[in-house]
Amino acid sequence: MSVTNVALGHKNWLALSLYRVRQQIAAAERREQEQQRGEQGRPPMPDWILEGGLNRGSPPVAVHVGGCHMAGKRWKGVSRDVALRALIEGIDACGHCRPDAALGYLDG
């Protein structure tokens, strides 16, 4: 094999490698753009959250500030008035995010 053939082989391999790297970069940029669109399209986190019980018909078990990591998977966003009413009716306030203090409800 001549030096010219080896050089052409390396040149082709490098060109193919560069092409693959550019494809991977483009795919990564598309994924990042899709993620950003998804985050922009996501509704904003509610200010107040009621954490639901284990069964669908069971009453809420806790009130949280929106975005509290302790809220679990069964929650729904509520207005300030609904969150305050829940605390007044005896629903527990989360001990981590302290919605009772944030709502100014200190009697509970």
N, C-alpha and C. Protein backbone atom coordinates (compact mmCIF):
# COMPACT_ATOMS: atom_id res chain seq x y z
N MET A 1 0.85 -1.18 0.00
CA MET A 1 0.00 0.00 0.00
C MET A 1 0.89 1.24 0.00
N SER A 2 0.56 2.15 -0.84
CA SER A 2 1.40 3.34 -0.96
C SER A 2 1.05 4.37 0.12
N VAL A 3 1.94 5.29 0.31
CA VAL A 3 1.74 6.37 1.28
C VAL A 3 0.52 7.20 0.91
N THR A 4 0.30 7.38 -0.38
CA THR A 4 -0.85 8.17 -0.85
C THR A 4 -2.15 7.47 -0.49
N ASN A 5 -2.22 6.16 -0.67
CA ASN A 5 -3.45 5.42 -0.32
C ASN A 5 -3.71 5.46 1.18
N VAL A 6 -2.67 5.35 1.98
CA VAL A 6 -2.81 5.43 3.45
C VAL A 6 -3.31 6.81 3.84
N ALA A 7 -2.73 7.83 3.24
CA ALA A 7 -3.14 9.21 3.55
C ALA A 7 -4.59 9.44 3.15
N LEU A 8 -5.01 8.91 2.00
CA LEU A 8 -6.42 9.05 1.58
C LEU A 8 -7.33 8.29 2.54
N GLY A 9 -6.89 7.13 2.98
CA GLY A 9 -7.69 6.36 3.93
C GLY A 9 -7.88 7.10 5.25
N HIS A 10 -6.81 7.69 5.75
CA HIS A 10 -6.90 8.48 6.98
C HIS A 10 -7.77 9.72 6.77
N LYS A 11 -7.63 10.33 5.62
CA LYS A 11 -8.44 11.52 5.32
C LYS A 11 -9.92 11.17 5.28
N ASN A 12 -10.26 10.05 4.65
CA ASN A 12 -11.66 9.61 4.60
C ASN A 12 -12.18 9.28 6.00
N TRP A 13 -11.34 8.60 6.79
CA TRP A 13 -11.75 8.24 8.15
C TRP A 13 -11.98 9.50 8.98
N LEU A 14 -11.08 10.47 8.85
CA LEU A 14 -11.24 11.72 9.60
C LEU A 14 -12.48 12.47 9.15
N ALA A 15 -12.75 12.50 7.86
CA ALA A 15 -13.94 13.18 7.35
C ALA A 15 -15.21 12.50 7.88
N LEU A 16 -15.22 11.17 7.88
CA LEU A 16 -16.37 10.44 8.40
C LEU A 16 -16.54 10.67 9.90
N SER A 17 -15.44 10.69 10.63
CA SER A 17 -15.50 10.95 12.07
C SER A 17 -16.04 12.35 12.35
N LEU A 18 -15.56 13.32 11.60
CA LEU A 18 -16.04 14.69 11.77
C LEU A 18 -17.53 14.78 11.46
N TYR A 19 -17.97 14.11 10.42
CA TYR A 19 -19.39 14.09 10.06
C TYR A 19 -20.22 13.52 11.21
N ARG A 20 -19.77 12.40 11.79
CA ARG A 20 -20.51 11.78 12.90
C ARG A 20 -20.55 12.68 14.13
N VAL A 21 -19.45 13.33 14.42
CA VAL A 21 -19.41 14.25 15.56
C VAL A 21 -20.38 15.40 15.33
N ARG A 22 -20.41 15.94 14.13
CA ARG A 22 -21.34 17.04 13.82
C ARG A 22 -22.79 16.58 13.94
N GLN A 23 -23.08 15.34 13.53
CA GLN A 23 -24.43 14.80 13.69
C GLN A 23 -24.80 14.69 15.17
N GLN A 24 -23.88 14.22 15.98
CA GLN A 24 -24.15 14.09 17.40
C GLN A 24 -24.35 15.44 18.07
N ILE A 25 -23.57 16.43 17.66
CA ILE A 25 -23.75 17.78 18.20
C ILE A 25 -25.11 18.33 17.82
N ALA A 26 -25.51 18.15 16.56
CA ALA A 26 -26.82 18.63 16.10
C ALA A 26 -27.95 17.95 16.86
N ALA A 27 -27.81 16.65 17.10
CA ALA A 27 -28.84 15.91 17.84
C ALA A 27 -28.92 16.42 19.28
N ALA A 28 -27.78 16.67 19.90
CA ALA A 28 -27.76 17.19 21.28
C ALA A 28 -28.39 18.58 21.34
N GLU A 29 -28.11 19.42 20.34
CA GLU A 29 -28.72 20.76 20.30
C GLU A 29 -30.22 20.67 20.12
N ARG A 30 -30.70 19.73 19.29
CA ARG A 30 -32.16 19.55 19.12
C ARG A 30 -32.81 19.11 20.43
N ARG A 31 -32.17 18.17 21.14
CA ARG A 31 -32.72 17.72 22.42
C ARG A 31 -32.80 18.86 23.42
N GLU A 32 -31.76 19.69 23.45
CA GLU A 32 -31.74 20.82 24.36
C GLU A 32 -32.85 21.82 24.02
N GLN A 33 -33.05 22.08 22.74
CA GLN A 33 -34.11 23.00 22.31
C GLN A 33 -35.48 22.44 22.68
N GLU A 34 -35.68 21.13 22.48
CA GLU A 34 -36.96 20.50 22.83
C GLU A 34 -37.20 20.60 24.33
N GLN A 35 -36.16 20.39 25.12
CA GLN A 35 -36.30 20.50 26.57
C GLN A 35 -36.67 21.92 26.98
N GLN A 36 -36.02 22.91 26.36
CA GLN A 36 -36.33 24.30 26.67
C GLN A 36 -37.76 24.65 26.29
N ARG A 37 -38.21 24.17 25.12
CA ARG A 37 -39.60 24.42 24.72
C ARG A 37 -40.57 23.78 25.71
N GLY A 38 -40.23 22.58 26.16
CA GLY A 38 -41.08 21.90 27.14
C GLY A 38 -41.16 22.67 28.45
N GLU A 39 -40.03 23.18 28.90
CA GLU A 39 -40.01 23.94 30.15
C GLU A 39 -40.76 25.26 30.00
N GLN A 40 -40.65 25.89 28.83
CA GLN A 40 -41.35 27.15 28.60
C GLN A 40 -42.85 26.92 28.47
N GLY A 41 -43.24 25.75 27.95
CA GLY A 41 -44.65 25.45 27.77
C GLY A 41 -45.33 24.92 29.02
N ARG A 42 -44.54 24.58 30.02
CA ARG A 42 -45.09 24.04 31.26
C ARG A 42 -45.80 25.15 32.03
N PRO A 43 -46.97 24.84 32.57
CA PRO A 43 -47.66 25.88 33.34
C PRO A 43 -46.85 26.23 34.60
N PRO A 44 -47.00 27.45 35.08
CA PRO A 44 -46.24 27.85 36.27
C PRO A 44 -46.69 27.06 37.50
N MET A 45 -45.78 26.88 38.42
CA MET A 45 -46.08 26.19 39.67
C MET A 45 -47.08 27.04 40.46
N PRO A 46 -48.14 26.42 40.99
CA PRO A 46 -49.10 27.21 41.77
C PRO A 46 -48.46 27.69 43.07
N ASP A 47 -49.04 28.73 43.62
CA ASP A 47 -48.52 29.28 44.88
C ASP A 47 -48.81 28.37 46.06
N TRP A 48 -49.93 27.65 45.99
CA TRP A 48 -50.36 26.80 47.11
C TRP A 48 -50.78 25.44 46.58
N ILE A 49 -50.52 24.41 47.37
CA ILE A 49 -50.80 23.03 46.96
C ILE A 49 -51.53 22.30 48.07
N LEU A 50 -52.55 21.52 47.66
CA LEU A 50 -53.19 20.58 48.58
C LEU A 50 -52.73 19.18 48.19
N GLU A 51 -52.12 18.49 49.14
CA GLU A 51 -51.67 17.12 48.89
C GLU A 51 -52.82 16.17 49.18
N GLY A 52 -53.15 15.33 48.20
CA GLY A 52 -54.26 14.41 48.35
C GLY A 52 -53.90 13.18 49.15
N GLY A 53 -54.92 12.52 49.66
CA GLY A 53 -54.73 11.27 50.39
C GLY A 53 -54.50 10.11 49.44
N LEU A 54 -54.44 8.91 50.00
CA LEU A 54 -54.14 7.73 49.20
C LEU A 54 -55.27 7.35 48.25
N ASN A 55 -56.51 7.57 48.65
CA ASN A 55 -57.66 7.23 47.82
C ASN A 55 -58.20 8.48 47.14
N ARG A 56 -58.83 8.27 46.01
CA ARG A 56 -59.34 9.43 45.26
C ARG A 56 -60.37 10.23 46.04
N GLY A 57 -61.18 9.59 46.80
CA GLY A 57 -62.23 10.30 47.52
C GLY A 57 -61.81 10.82 48.87
N SER A 58 -60.61 10.52 49.30
CA SER A 58 -60.19 10.94 50.64
C SER A 58 -59.85 12.43 50.66
N PRO A 59 -60.01 13.04 51.81
CA PRO A 59 -59.72 14.49 51.91
C PRO A 59 -58.21 14.74 51.81
N PRO A 60 -57.85 15.99 51.56
CA PRO A 60 -56.42 16.34 51.50
C PRO A 60 -55.73 16.04 52.84
N VAL A 61 -54.45 15.73 52.77
CA VAL A 61 -53.71 15.41 53.99
C VAL A 61 -52.79 16.53 54.42
N ALA A 62 -52.44 17.44 53.51
CA ALA A 62 -51.54 18.52 53.89
C ALA A 62 -51.65 19.69 52.91
N VAL A 63 -51.30 20.86 53.43
CA VAL A 63 -51.20 22.08 52.63
C VAL A 63 -49.71 22.39 52.48
N HIS A 64 -49.31 22.76 51.28
CA HIS A 64 -47.91 23.08 51.00
C HIS A 64 -47.81 24.40 50.25
N VAL A 65 -46.65 25.02 50.34
CA VAL A 65 -46.32 26.15 49.47
C VAL A 65 -45.98 25.54 48.12
N GLY A 66 -46.35 26.19 47.03
CA GLY A 66 -46.06 25.67 45.70
C GLY A 66 -44.58 25.38 45.51
N GLY A 67 -44.29 24.22 44.93
CA GLY A 67 -42.90 23.83 44.69
C GLY A 67 -42.26 23.06 45.83
N CYS A 68 -42.99 22.83 46.92
CA CYS A 68 -42.43 22.09 48.05
C CYS A 68 -42.10 20.66 47.62
N HIS A 69 -40.90 20.24 47.89
CA HIS A 69 -40.46 18.90 47.49
C HIS A 69 -41.09 17.79 48.33
N MET A 70 -41.75 18.15 49.39
CA MET A 70 -42.38 17.15 50.26
C MET A 70 -43.83 16.87 49.86
N ALA A 71 -44.34 17.51 48.83
CA ALA A 71 -45.75 17.42 48.47
C ALA A 71 -46.15 16.05 47.93
N GLY A 72 -45.24 15.24 47.47
CA GLY A 72 -45.61 13.93 46.94
C GLY A 72 -46.16 14.06 45.53
N LYS A 73 -46.80 12.99 45.07
CA LYS A 73 -47.27 12.93 43.69
C LYS A 73 -48.74 13.30 43.53
N ARG A 74 -49.51 13.20 44.57
CA ARG A 74 -50.95 13.47 44.49
C ARG A 74 -51.24 14.85 45.06
N TRP A 75 -51.18 15.86 44.22
CA TRP A 75 -51.46 17.21 44.68
C TRP A 75 -52.18 17.99 43.60
N LYS A 76 -52.79 19.07 44.02
CA LYS A 76 -53.41 20.00 43.06
C LYS A 76 -53.17 21.42 43.54
N GLY A 77 -52.99 22.30 42.58
CA GLY A 77 -52.79 23.70 42.90
C GLY A 77 -54.11 24.34 43.31
N VAL A 78 -54.04 25.20 44.31
CA VAL A 78 -55.24 25.88 44.80
C VAL A 78 -54.93 27.36 45.03
N SER A 79 -55.98 28.12 45.19
CA SER A 79 -55.83 29.55 45.47
C SER A 79 -55.43 29.76 46.94
N ARG A 80 -55.04 30.97 47.23
CA ARG A 80 -54.67 31.33 48.60
C ARG A 80 -55.84 31.10 49.55
N ASP A 81 -57.03 31.48 49.11
CA ASP A 81 -58.22 31.34 49.96
C ASP A 81 -58.51 29.88 50.27
N VAL A 82 -58.38 29.00 49.27
CA VAL A 82 -58.64 27.57 49.48
C VAL A 82 -57.60 26.98 50.42
N ALA A 83 -56.34 27.37 50.27
CA ALA A 83 -55.28 26.88 51.15
C ALA A 83 -55.52 27.34 52.59
N LEU A 84 -55.89 28.58 52.76
CA LEU A 84 -56.17 29.10 54.10
C LEU A 84 -57.38 28.41 54.72
N ARG A 85 -58.42 28.20 53.93
CA ARG A 85 -59.62 27.50 54.41
C ARG A 85 -59.26 26.08 54.85
N ALA A 86 -58.41 25.41 54.09
CA ALA A 86 -58.00 24.04 54.45
C ALA A 86 -57.29 24.03 55.80
N LEU A 87 -56.42 25.00 56.03
CA LEU A 87 -55.74 25.08 57.32
C LEU A 87 -56.73 25.33 58.46
N ILE A 88 -57.68 26.22 58.21
CA ILE A 88 -58.70 26.53 59.22
C ILE A 88 -59.52 25.30 59.53
N GLU A 89 -59.79 24.47 58.51
CA GLU A 89 -60.59 23.26 58.70
C GLU A 89 -59.79 22.09 59.27
N GLY A 90 -58.51 22.31 59.58
CA GLY A 90 -57.73 21.28 60.27
C GLY A 90 -56.80 20.44 59.41
N ILE A 91 -56.67 20.78 58.14
CA ILE A 91 -55.71 20.06 57.30
C ILE A 91 -54.31 20.46 57.77
N ASP A 92 -53.42 19.50 57.90
CA ASP A 92 -52.07 19.77 58.40
C ASP A 92 -51.29 20.67 57.46
N ALA A 93 -50.48 21.53 58.05
CA ALA A 93 -49.54 22.35 57.28
C ALA A 93 -48.22 21.58 57.19
N CYS A 94 -47.60 21.61 56.04
CA CYS A 94 -46.30 20.94 55.87
C CYS A 94 -45.29 21.56 56.83
N GLY A 95 -44.54 20.70 57.51
CA GLY A 95 -43.55 21.18 58.45
C GLY A 95 -42.28 21.69 57.79
N HIS A 96 -42.13 21.44 56.50
CA HIS A 96 -40.92 21.88 55.81
C HIS A 96 -41.11 23.25 55.17
N CYS A 97 -42.20 23.43 54.43
CA CYS A 97 -42.38 24.70 53.71
C CYS A 97 -43.20 25.71 54.51
N ARG A 98 -43.86 25.27 55.56
CA ARG A 98 -44.62 26.13 56.48
C ARG A 98 -45.60 27.08 55.80
N PRO A 99 -46.61 26.53 55.11
CA PRO A 99 -47.58 27.40 54.45
C PRO A 99 -48.41 28.20 55.45
N ASP A 100 -48.57 27.67 56.66
CA ASP A 100 -49.34 28.40 57.66
C ASP A 100 -48.67 29.74 57.97
N ALA A 101 -47.35 29.76 58.13
CA ALA A 101 -46.64 31.01 58.38
C ALA A 101 -46.68 31.91 57.15
N ALA A 102 -46.53 31.32 55.96
CA ALA A 102 -46.55 32.13 54.73
C ALA A 102 -47.92 32.74 54.51
N LEU A 103 -48.98 32.05 54.95
CA LEU A 103 -50.34 32.58 54.80
C LEU A 103 -50.74 33.48 55.97
N GLY A 104 -49.91 33.56 56.98
CA GLY A 104 -50.24 34.38 58.14
C GLY A 104 -51.22 33.70 59.08
N TYR A 105 -51.37 32.38 58.95
CA TYR A 105 -52.27 31.62 59.82
C TYR A 105 -51.45 31.02 60.94
N LEU A 106 -51.49 31.64 62.09
CA LEU A 106 -50.65 31.20 63.20
C LEU A 106 -51.45 30.54 64.32
N ASP A 107 -52.75 30.33 64.12
CA ASP A 107 -53.60 29.73 65.14
C ASP A 107 -53.55 28.21 65.12
N GLY A 108 -53.02 27.60 64.03
CA GLY A 108 -53.10 26.16 63.85
C GLY A 108 -52.09 25.37 64.53
